[in-house]
Amino acid sequence: MSKRIGIGRISGVFGVRGWVKVYSYTSPRENVVRYSPWFLLQNGGEALQEVSAGHAHGDGVVASLAGINDRDAAAALIGAEIEVERSTLGPELGRGAGEAVPGEGFFWVDLQGMEVRTCEGTSLGFVEQLFETGANDVMIVVGTGRHLIPFLYGSVVESVNGERRVITVNWDPDF
């Protein structure tokens, strides 16, 4: 598994003092500024950047980065993908990129691409995406068909094997 996790991207500038707008992959979205330092990936290069401050603003998030003190410096970062060391994320923090699977210590990003098999061993396909519904999280599994499978650990999801990259579910393949 990757030692880093993507948690957002810089989407614009905010004001004239070097603050940036951030499109957050975390939920709640403002958690993106809790994780520092950021690895900013842009144009084939990367830079390590400390987060000085940040907060939710309207529908987005804004952040101040150490050493970025004017609008031009901030504008140069637009489009940069934000990654953090996996160890920065605690299992109790975040949703989306930082969502911990109960009792397992996996994050959503770990589950994407895993094979999903029934308890009988039938392959349903691979996890393409996960999303929240309010009541529970749902896996989109794509294979010979498309399945929306609730991620209910212990009732629908029987086990997650990170080493083999297989999720075992109690699910009817014809449903």
N, C-alpha and C. Protein backbone atom coordinates (compact mmCIF):
# COMPACT_ATOMS: atom_id res chain seq x y z
N MET A 1 0.83 -1.18 0.00
CA MET A 1 0.00 0.00 0.00
C MET A 1 0.87 1.24 0.00
N SER A 2 0.36 2.27 -0.59
CA SER A 2 1.09 3.52 -0.71
C SER A 2 1.38 4.11 0.66
N LYS A 3 2.55 4.73 0.78
CA LYS A 3 2.89 5.40 2.02
C LYS A 3 2.30 6.79 2.08
N ARG A 4 1.76 7.25 0.95
CA ARG A 4 1.11 8.56 0.93
C ARG A 4 -0.31 8.42 0.42
N ILE A 5 -1.14 9.38 0.84
CA ILE A 5 -2.54 9.39 0.45
C ILE A 5 -2.88 10.77 -0.09
N GLY A 6 -3.56 10.82 -1.24
CA GLY A 6 -4.03 12.09 -1.80
C GLY A 6 -5.20 12.60 -0.99
N ILE A 7 -5.13 13.86 -0.56
CA ILE A 7 -6.20 14.42 0.27
C ILE A 7 -6.84 15.67 -0.34
N GLY A 8 -6.34 16.11 -1.50
CA GLY A 8 -6.94 17.28 -2.12
C GLY A 8 -6.06 17.85 -3.21
N ARG A 9 -6.45 19.04 -3.69
CA ARG A 9 -5.64 19.76 -4.67
C ARG A 9 -5.86 21.25 -4.49
N ILE A 10 -4.86 22.02 -4.87
CA ILE A 10 -4.97 23.47 -4.78
C ILE A 10 -5.73 23.95 -6.01
N SER A 11 -6.83 24.66 -5.75
CA SER A 11 -7.74 25.02 -6.84
C SER A 11 -7.76 26.51 -7.17
N GLY A 12 -7.13 27.33 -6.35
CA GLY A 12 -7.15 28.77 -6.63
C GLY A 12 -6.42 29.55 -5.56
N VAL A 13 -6.50 30.87 -5.67
CA VAL A 13 -5.89 31.75 -4.67
C VAL A 13 -7.01 32.44 -3.89
N PHE A 14 -6.68 32.87 -2.68
CA PHE A 14 -7.64 33.53 -1.81
C PHE A 14 -6.97 34.76 -1.22
N GLY A 15 -7.37 35.92 -1.66
CA GLY A 15 -6.81 37.16 -1.15
C GLY A 15 -5.45 37.47 -1.75
N VAL A 16 -4.75 38.43 -1.11
CA VAL A 16 -3.46 38.89 -1.64
C VAL A 16 -2.28 38.48 -0.77
N ARG A 17 -2.52 37.75 0.32
CA ARG A 17 -1.45 37.40 1.25
C ARG A 17 -0.96 35.96 1.11
N GLY A 18 -1.24 35.35 -0.02
CA GLY A 18 -0.68 34.03 -0.29
C GLY A 18 -1.53 32.85 0.12
N TRP A 19 -2.74 33.08 0.57
CA TRP A 19 -3.61 31.97 0.91
C TRP A 19 -4.08 31.27 -0.37
N VAL A 20 -4.35 29.96 -0.26
CA VAL A 20 -4.81 29.18 -1.40
C VAL A 20 -6.18 28.59 -1.11
N LYS A 21 -6.95 28.38 -2.18
CA LYS A 21 -8.20 27.64 -2.09
C LYS A 21 -7.86 26.17 -2.30
N VAL A 22 -8.51 25.31 -1.54
CA VAL A 22 -8.23 23.88 -1.60
C VAL A 22 -9.51 23.11 -1.91
N TYR A 23 -9.43 22.22 -2.90
CA TYR A 23 -10.51 21.27 -3.14
C TYR A 23 -10.14 20.04 -2.32
N SER A 24 -10.90 19.79 -1.27
CA SER A 24 -10.58 18.73 -0.31
C SER A 24 -11.23 17.41 -0.68
N TYR A 25 -10.47 16.32 -0.57
CA TYR A 25 -11.01 14.98 -0.75
C TYR A 25 -11.46 14.39 0.58
N THR A 26 -11.22 15.11 1.70
CA THR A 26 -11.58 14.60 3.01
C THR A 26 -13.00 15.01 3.36
N SER A 27 -13.55 14.36 4.36
CA SER A 27 -14.86 14.74 4.86
C SER A 27 -14.84 14.54 6.36
N PRO A 28 -15.12 15.55 7.15
CA PRO A 28 -15.48 16.87 6.68
C PRO A 28 -14.33 17.53 5.92
N ARG A 29 -14.68 18.36 4.97
CA ARG A 29 -13.70 18.93 4.04
C ARG A 29 -12.59 19.70 4.73
N GLU A 30 -12.89 20.35 5.88
CA GLU A 30 -11.86 21.14 6.56
C GLU A 30 -10.77 20.30 7.20
N ASN A 31 -10.96 18.99 7.28
CA ASN A 31 -9.90 18.13 7.83
C ASN A 31 -8.62 18.20 7.01
N VAL A 32 -8.71 18.59 5.76
CA VAL A 32 -7.53 18.65 4.90
C VAL A 32 -6.43 19.50 5.53
N VAL A 33 -6.79 20.55 6.27
CA VAL A 33 -5.77 21.43 6.86
C VAL A 33 -5.24 20.89 8.18
N ARG A 34 -5.82 19.82 8.70
CA ARG A 34 -5.32 19.20 9.94
C ARG A 34 -4.08 18.35 9.69
N TYR A 35 -3.90 17.94 8.45
CA TYR A 35 -2.80 17.04 8.11
C TYR A 35 -1.67 17.84 7.50
N SER A 36 -0.49 17.76 8.09
CA SER A 36 0.66 18.53 7.61
C SER A 36 1.91 17.75 7.97
N PRO A 37 2.95 17.84 7.18
CA PRO A 37 3.12 18.66 5.99
C PRO A 37 2.45 18.03 4.76
N TRP A 38 2.24 18.88 3.76
CA TRP A 38 1.71 18.46 2.48
C TRP A 38 2.84 18.23 1.51
N PHE A 39 2.70 17.20 0.69
CA PHE A 39 3.56 17.01 -0.47
C PHE A 39 2.75 17.56 -1.64
N LEU A 40 3.25 18.62 -2.27
CA LEU A 40 2.57 19.22 -3.41
C LEU A 40 3.18 18.67 -4.69
N LEU A 41 2.37 17.97 -5.49
CA LEU A 41 2.83 17.35 -6.73
C LEU A 41 2.31 18.17 -7.91
N GLN A 42 3.27 18.65 -8.71
CA GLN A 42 2.90 19.52 -9.82
C GLN A 42 3.97 19.47 -10.89
N ASN A 43 3.56 19.32 -12.14
CA ASN A 43 4.48 19.34 -13.28
C ASN A 43 5.65 18.37 -13.13
N GLY A 44 5.37 17.18 -12.60
CA GLY A 44 6.40 16.16 -12.46
C GLY A 44 7.31 16.33 -11.27
N GLY A 45 7.15 17.40 -10.50
CA GLY A 45 7.98 17.63 -9.32
C GLY A 45 7.14 17.59 -8.06
N GLU A 46 7.82 17.68 -6.93
CA GLU A 46 7.10 17.73 -5.67
C GLU A 46 7.83 18.65 -4.69
N ALA A 47 7.05 19.25 -3.81
CA ALA A 47 7.60 20.14 -2.79
C ALA A 47 6.91 19.84 -1.46
N LEU A 48 7.68 19.86 -0.39
CA LEU A 48 7.14 19.66 0.95
C LEU A 48 6.72 21.01 1.50
N GLN A 49 5.50 21.10 2.00
CA GLN A 49 4.96 22.40 2.43
C GLN A 49 4.20 22.25 3.74
N GLU A 50 4.56 23.06 4.75
CA GLU A 50 3.86 23.07 6.03
C GLU A 50 2.60 23.92 5.92
N VAL A 51 1.53 23.48 6.57
CA VAL A 51 0.29 24.25 6.64
C VAL A 51 0.37 25.14 7.87
N SER A 52 0.27 26.46 7.68
CA SER A 52 0.32 27.40 8.79
C SER A 52 -1.04 27.61 9.43
N ALA A 53 -2.07 27.66 8.60
CA ALA A 53 -3.44 27.89 9.09
C ALA A 53 -4.40 27.48 7.99
N GLY A 54 -5.65 27.33 8.36
CA GLY A 54 -6.66 27.02 7.36
C GLY A 54 -8.01 26.80 8.01
N HIS A 55 -9.05 26.89 7.19
CA HIS A 55 -10.41 26.71 7.70
C HIS A 55 -11.38 26.59 6.54
N ALA A 56 -12.59 26.13 6.87
CA ALA A 56 -13.66 26.09 5.87
C ALA A 56 -14.03 27.52 5.52
N HIS A 57 -14.35 27.74 4.25
CA HIS A 57 -14.76 29.06 3.79
C HIS A 57 -15.79 28.87 2.69
N GLY A 58 -17.04 29.21 2.99
CA GLY A 58 -18.11 28.97 2.02
C GLY A 58 -18.24 27.48 1.75
N ASP A 59 -18.22 27.10 0.48
CA ASP A 59 -18.32 25.70 0.10
C ASP A 59 -16.96 25.01 0.03
N GLY A 60 -15.90 25.73 0.34
CA GLY A 60 -14.56 25.17 0.20
C GLY A 60 -13.71 25.32 1.44
N VAL A 61 -12.41 25.28 1.22
CA VAL A 61 -11.42 25.40 2.30
C VAL A 61 -10.34 26.34 1.80
N VAL A 62 -9.82 27.17 2.71
CA VAL A 62 -8.68 28.02 2.38
C VAL A 62 -7.56 27.70 3.35
N ALA A 63 -6.31 27.87 2.88
CA ALA A 63 -5.16 27.53 3.71
C ALA A 63 -4.03 28.51 3.48
N SER A 64 -3.27 28.73 4.54
CA SER A 64 -2.04 29.51 4.47
C SER A 64 -0.89 28.53 4.59
N LEU A 65 0.07 28.62 3.69
CA LEU A 65 1.22 27.72 3.67
C LEU A 65 2.48 28.49 4.04
N ALA A 66 3.33 27.88 4.84
CA ALA A 66 4.57 28.53 5.28
C ALA A 66 5.39 28.99 4.09
N GLY A 67 5.82 30.25 4.12
CA GLY A 67 6.68 30.78 3.07
C GLY A 67 5.95 31.27 1.83
N ILE A 68 4.65 31.06 1.75
CA ILE A 68 3.85 31.54 0.62
C ILE A 68 3.14 32.80 1.12
N ASN A 69 3.68 33.97 0.74
CA ASN A 69 3.22 35.22 1.34
C ASN A 69 2.55 36.20 0.39
N ASP A 70 2.45 35.85 -0.89
CA ASP A 70 1.78 36.78 -1.81
C ASP A 70 0.98 36.00 -2.85
N ARG A 71 0.13 36.72 -3.52
CA ARG A 71 -0.80 36.12 -4.49
C ARG A 71 -0.06 35.41 -5.63
N ASP A 72 1.05 35.96 -6.10
CA ASP A 72 1.79 35.34 -7.21
C ASP A 72 2.36 33.98 -6.80
N ALA A 73 2.92 33.90 -5.59
CA ALA A 73 3.46 32.62 -5.11
C ALA A 73 2.34 31.60 -4.96
N ALA A 74 1.19 32.04 -4.47
CA ALA A 74 0.04 31.15 -4.32
C ALA A 74 -0.46 30.68 -5.69
N ALA A 75 -0.51 31.60 -6.65
CA ALA A 75 -1.01 31.27 -7.99
C ALA A 75 -0.14 30.21 -8.66
N ALA A 76 1.14 30.19 -8.35
CA ALA A 76 2.04 29.19 -8.94
C ALA A 76 1.72 27.78 -8.47
N LEU A 77 0.94 27.66 -7.39
CA LEU A 77 0.61 26.34 -6.83
C LEU A 77 -0.72 25.79 -7.35
N ILE A 78 -1.46 26.58 -8.10
CA ILE A 78 -2.77 26.13 -8.59
C ILE A 78 -2.60 24.86 -9.42
N GLY A 79 -3.43 23.87 -9.11
CA GLY A 79 -3.39 22.59 -9.81
C GLY A 79 -2.55 21.53 -9.12
N ALA A 80 -1.78 21.92 -8.10
CA ALA A 80 -0.95 20.95 -7.39
C ALA A 80 -1.82 19.96 -6.62
N GLU A 81 -1.51 18.68 -6.76
CA GLU A 81 -2.17 17.64 -5.97
C GLU A 81 -1.54 17.62 -4.59
N ILE A 82 -2.35 17.39 -3.56
CA ILE A 82 -1.88 17.38 -2.18
C ILE A 82 -1.87 15.94 -1.68
N GLU A 83 -0.71 15.50 -1.21
CA GLU A 83 -0.59 14.19 -0.58
C GLU A 83 0.01 14.38 0.81
N VAL A 84 -0.29 13.43 1.70
CA VAL A 84 0.33 13.41 3.02
C VAL A 84 0.82 12.00 3.30
N GLU A 85 1.79 11.91 4.21
CA GLU A 85 2.24 10.59 4.65
C GLU A 85 1.06 9.87 5.30
N ARG A 86 0.92 8.63 5.00
CA ARG A 86 -0.14 7.80 5.56
C ARG A 86 -0.16 7.88 7.09
N SER A 87 1.02 7.95 7.71
CA SER A 87 1.11 8.01 9.17
C SER A 87 0.51 9.29 9.75
N THR A 88 0.31 10.31 8.91
CA THR A 88 -0.30 11.57 9.34
C THR A 88 -1.77 11.37 9.68
N LEU A 89 -2.41 10.43 9.01
CA LEU A 89 -3.83 10.18 9.23
C LEU A 89 -4.02 9.22 10.39
N GLY A 90 -4.79 9.63 11.37
CA GLY A 90 -5.14 8.72 12.45
C GLY A 90 -6.40 7.97 12.08
N PRO A 91 -6.58 6.74 12.54
CA PRO A 91 -7.75 5.96 12.16
C PRO A 91 -9.06 6.60 12.57
N GLU A 92 -9.02 7.50 13.54
CA GLU A 92 -10.24 8.13 14.00
C GLU A 92 -10.56 9.40 13.23
N LEU A 93 -9.72 9.81 12.30
CA LEU A 93 -9.87 11.09 11.63
C LEU A 93 -10.43 10.95 10.23
N GLY A 94 -11.23 11.94 9.83
CA GLY A 94 -11.59 12.11 8.43
C GLY A 94 -12.65 11.16 7.90
N ARG A 95 -13.04 11.42 6.67
CA ARG A 95 -13.90 10.56 5.87
C ARG A 95 -13.29 10.58 4.49
N GLY A 96 -13.89 9.90 3.57
CA GLY A 96 -13.32 9.90 2.22
C GLY A 96 -11.93 9.34 2.22
N ALA A 97 -10.94 10.11 1.84
CA ALA A 97 -9.57 9.63 1.81
C ALA A 97 -9.12 9.16 3.17
N GLY A 98 -9.63 9.78 4.22
CA GLY A 98 -9.19 9.45 5.56
C GLY A 98 -10.16 8.59 6.34
N GLU A 99 -11.14 8.00 5.70
CA GLU A 99 -12.12 7.20 6.42
C GLU A 99 -11.52 5.86 6.82
N ALA A 100 -11.52 5.58 8.10
CA ALA A 100 -11.04 4.29 8.59
C ALA A 100 -12.18 3.28 8.57
N VAL A 101 -11.91 2.09 8.11
CA VAL A 101 -12.91 1.03 8.12
C VAL A 101 -12.92 0.44 9.52
N PRO A 102 -14.09 0.37 10.17
CA PRO A 102 -14.17 -0.07 11.55
C PRO A 102 -13.45 -1.39 11.81
N GLY A 103 -12.60 -1.38 12.82
CA GLY A 103 -11.94 -2.59 13.27
C GLY A 103 -10.84 -3.11 12.38
N GLU A 104 -10.55 -2.44 11.28
CA GLU A 104 -9.59 -2.98 10.33
C GLU A 104 -8.38 -2.09 10.11
N GLY A 105 -8.50 -0.80 10.32
CA GLY A 105 -7.37 0.09 10.08
C GLY A 105 -7.12 0.36 8.61
N PHE A 106 -8.13 0.15 7.75
CA PHE A 106 -8.01 0.47 6.33
C PHE A 106 -8.66 1.81 6.07
N PHE A 107 -8.19 2.48 5.04
CA PHE A 107 -8.81 3.71 4.59
C PHE A 107 -9.53 3.42 3.28
N TRP A 108 -10.48 4.25 2.92
CA TRP A 108 -11.21 4.07 1.66
C TRP A 108 -10.25 3.89 0.49
N VAL A 109 -9.21 4.69 0.46
CA VAL A 109 -8.26 4.62 -0.65
C VAL A 109 -7.62 3.23 -0.74
N ASP A 110 -7.50 2.53 0.40
CA ASP A 110 -6.95 1.17 0.40
C ASP A 110 -7.91 0.19 -0.28
N LEU A 111 -9.20 0.43 -0.12
CA LEU A 111 -10.21 -0.50 -0.62
C LEU A 111 -10.43 -0.36 -2.13
N GLN A 112 -10.17 0.82 -2.66
CA GLN A 112 -10.36 1.02 -4.10
C GLN A 112 -9.42 0.11 -4.87
N GLY A 113 -10.00 -0.61 -5.83
CA GLY A 113 -9.22 -1.54 -6.64
C GLY A 113 -9.18 -2.95 -6.07
N MET A 114 -9.66 -3.15 -4.84
CA MET A 114 -9.68 -4.50 -4.28
C MET A 114 -10.75 -5.35 -4.97
N GLU A 115 -10.47 -6.64 -5.07
CA GLU A 115 -11.46 -7.57 -5.61
C GLU A 115 -12.52 -7.82 -4.55
N VAL A 116 -13.77 -7.96 -4.98
CA VAL A 116 -14.87 -8.28 -4.08
C VAL A 116 -15.40 -9.66 -4.45
N ARG A 117 -15.43 -10.55 -3.45
CA ARG A 117 -15.90 -11.92 -3.64
C ARG A 117 -17.01 -12.23 -2.66
N THR A 118 -17.93 -13.08 -3.08
CA THR A 118 -18.97 -13.54 -2.17
C THR A 118 -18.36 -14.54 -1.20
N CYS A 119 -19.10 -14.87 -0.15
CA CYS A 119 -18.63 -15.87 0.82
C CYS A 119 -18.42 -17.23 0.14
N GLU A 120 -19.11 -17.45 -0.99
CA GLU A 120 -18.97 -18.70 -1.74
C GLU A 120 -17.79 -18.65 -2.71
N GLY A 121 -17.13 -17.51 -2.83
CA GLY A 121 -15.95 -17.39 -3.68
C GLY A 121 -16.19 -16.81 -5.06
N THR A 122 -17.42 -16.42 -5.37
CA THR A 122 -17.73 -15.83 -6.67
C THR A 122 -17.21 -14.40 -6.73
N SER A 123 -16.44 -14.09 -7.76
CA SER A 123 -15.93 -12.73 -7.92
C SER A 123 -17.03 -11.82 -8.47
N LEU A 124 -17.25 -10.70 -7.78
CA LEU A 124 -18.24 -9.71 -8.23
C LEU A 124 -17.58 -8.59 -9.02
N GLY A 125 -16.26 -8.48 -8.92
CA GLY A 125 -15.53 -7.42 -9.60
C GLY A 125 -14.59 -6.71 -8.65
N PHE A 126 -14.34 -5.44 -8.93
CA PHE A 126 -13.38 -4.66 -8.16
C PHE A 126 -14.02 -3.36 -7.69
N VAL A 127 -13.60 -2.90 -6.51
CA VAL A 127 -14.13 -1.65 -5.96
C VAL A 127 -13.64 -0.49 -6.81
N GLU A 128 -14.59 0.20 -7.42
CA GLU A 128 -14.27 1.37 -8.23
C GLU A 128 -14.27 2.63 -7.38
N GLN A 129 -15.20 2.68 -6.42
CA GLN A 129 -15.39 3.89 -5.64
C GLN A 129 -16.20 3.57 -4.40
N LEU A 130 -16.12 4.42 -3.39
CA LEU A 130 -16.98 4.36 -2.21
C LEU A 130 -17.62 5.72 -2.04
N PHE A 131 -18.84 5.73 -1.49
CA PHE A 131 -19.48 7.01 -1.21
C PHE A 131 -20.38 6.87 0.02
N GLU A 132 -20.71 8.01 0.61
CA GLU A 132 -21.56 8.06 1.79
C GLU A 132 -23.00 8.28 1.36
N THR A 133 -23.94 7.67 2.08
CA THR A 133 -25.35 7.92 1.83
C THR A 133 -26.02 8.60 3.01
N GLY A 134 -25.35 8.70 4.12
CA GLY A 134 -25.95 9.21 5.34
C GLY A 134 -26.26 8.06 6.28
N ALA A 135 -26.91 7.02 5.75
CA ALA A 135 -27.22 5.84 6.56
C ALA A 135 -26.02 4.91 6.66
N ASN A 136 -25.29 4.76 5.56
CA ASN A 136 -24.11 3.88 5.54
C ASN A 136 -23.27 4.23 4.31
N ASP A 137 -22.08 3.67 4.27
CA ASP A 137 -21.22 3.85 3.11
C ASP A 137 -21.53 2.76 2.09
N VAL A 138 -21.28 3.05 0.81
CA VAL A 138 -21.60 2.12 -0.26
C VAL A 138 -20.39 1.95 -1.17
N MET A 139 -20.11 0.69 -1.55
CA MET A 139 -19.05 0.39 -2.52
C MET A 139 -19.69 0.26 -3.90
N ILE A 140 -19.06 0.87 -4.89
CA ILE A 140 -19.44 0.63 -6.28
C ILE A 140 -18.46 -0.43 -6.78
N VAL A 141 -19.00 -1.61 -7.11
CA VAL A 141 -18.19 -2.74 -7.54
C VAL A 141 -18.48 -2.98 -9.02
N VAL A 142 -17.43 -2.97 -9.83
CA VAL A 142 -17.58 -3.14 -11.27
C VAL A 142 -16.85 -4.40 -11.71
N GLY A 143 -17.55 -5.25 -12.43
CA GLY A 143 -16.99 -6.49 -12.97
C GLY A 143 -17.79 -6.85 -14.20
N THR A 144 -18.40 -8.04 -14.18
CA THR A 144 -19.27 -8.41 -15.29
C THR A 144 -20.54 -7.57 -15.26
N GLY A 145 -20.86 -7.04 -14.11
CA GLY A 145 -21.98 -6.11 -13.94
C GLY A 145 -21.53 -5.00 -13.01
N ARG A 146 -22.50 -4.25 -12.53
CA ARG A 146 -22.22 -3.16 -11.60
C ARG A 146 -23.05 -3.39 -10.35
N HIS A 147 -22.41 -3.43 -9.19
CA HIS A 147 -23.10 -3.67 -7.93
C HIS A 147 -22.89 -2.49 -6.99
N LEU A 148 -23.95 -2.09 -6.33
CA LEU A 148 -23.87 -1.11 -5.24
C LEU A 148 -24.05 -1.91 -3.96
N ILE A 149 -22.96 -2.05 -3.20
CA ILE A 149 -22.98 -2.91 -2.03
C ILE A 149 -22.73 -2.07 -0.79
N PRO A 150 -23.68 -2.10 0.17
CA PRO A 150 -23.46 -1.32 1.40
C PRO A 150 -22.26 -1.85 2.17
N PHE A 151 -21.43 -0.92 2.65
CA PHE A 151 -20.27 -1.32 3.44
C PHE A 151 -20.69 -1.40 4.90
N LEU A 152 -21.34 -2.51 5.23
CA LEU A 152 -21.79 -2.77 6.60
C LEU A 152 -20.92 -3.89 7.15
N TYR A 153 -19.87 -3.50 7.88
CA TYR A 153 -18.90 -4.46 8.36
C TYR A 153 -19.55 -5.38 9.39
N GLY A 154 -19.41 -6.68 9.18
CA GLY A 154 -19.96 -7.66 10.10
C GLY A 154 -21.32 -8.20 9.66
N SER A 155 -22.02 -7.49 8.76
CA SER A 155 -23.27 -8.05 8.25
C SER A 155 -23.18 -8.30 6.76
N VAL A 156 -22.84 -7.29 5.97
CA VAL A 156 -22.65 -7.49 4.52
C VAL A 156 -21.18 -7.77 4.24
N VAL A 157 -20.30 -6.96 4.77
CA VAL A 157 -18.86 -7.16 4.57
C VAL A 157 -18.36 -8.09 5.67
N GLU A 158 -17.94 -9.29 5.25
CA GLU A 158 -17.47 -10.29 6.21
C GLU A 158 -16.01 -10.07 6.60
N SER A 159 -15.17 -9.71 5.61
CA SER A 159 -13.75 -9.51 5.92
C SER A 159 -13.09 -8.67 4.83
N VAL A 160 -11.98 -8.05 5.23
CA VAL A 160 -11.13 -7.30 4.31
C VAL A 160 -9.72 -7.85 4.48
N ASN A 161 -9.17 -8.43 3.41
CA ASN A 161 -7.81 -8.97 3.46
C ASN A 161 -6.91 -8.03 2.66
N GLY A 162 -6.22 -7.16 3.38
CA GLY A 162 -5.36 -6.17 2.73
C GLY A 162 -4.19 -6.79 2.00
N GLU A 163 -3.68 -7.89 2.52
CA GLU A 163 -2.53 -8.54 1.90
C GLU A 163 -2.91 -9.16 0.55
N ARG A 164 -4.05 -9.84 0.52
CA ARG A 164 -4.53 -10.46 -0.73
C ARG A 164 -5.34 -9.48 -1.58
N ARG A 165 -5.71 -8.33 -0.98
CA ARG A 165 -6.53 -7.30 -1.63
C ARG A 165 -7.89 -7.86 -2.06
N VAL A 166 -8.54 -8.54 -1.10
CA VAL A 166 -9.85 -9.14 -1.34
C VAL A 166 -10.81 -8.75 -0.22
N ILE A 167 -12.00 -8.33 -0.61
CA ILE A 167 -13.08 -8.06 0.33
C ILE A 167 -14.11 -9.18 0.15
N THR A 168 -14.47 -9.85 1.24
CA THR A 168 -15.46 -10.92 1.19
C THR A 168 -16.79 -10.37 1.69
N VAL A 169 -17.84 -10.58 0.89
CA VAL A 169 -19.15 -10.04 1.23
C VAL A 169 -20.22 -11.12 1.25
N ASN A 170 -21.21 -10.93 2.10
CA ASN A 170 -22.39 -11.78 2.14
C ASN A 170 -23.40 -11.11 1.20
N TRP A 171 -23.33 -11.48 -0.09
CA TRP A 171 -24.10 -10.77 -1.12
C TRP A 171 -24.49 -11.72 -2.23
N ASP A 172 -25.69 -11.58 -2.74
CA ASP A 172 -26.18 -12.40 -3.85
C ASP A 172 -25.67 -11.78 -5.16
N PRO A 173 -24.89 -12.54 -5.95
CA PRO A 173 -24.35 -11.99 -7.20
C PRO A 173 -25.42 -11.55 -8.19
N ASP A 174 -26.64 -12.07 -8.06
CA ASP A 174 -27.72 -11.71 -8.98
C ASP A 174 -28.49 -10.47 -8.53
N PHE A 175 -28.14 -9.93 -7.38
CA PHE A 175 -28.85 -8.76 -6.87
C PHE A 175 -28.26 -7.50 -7.43
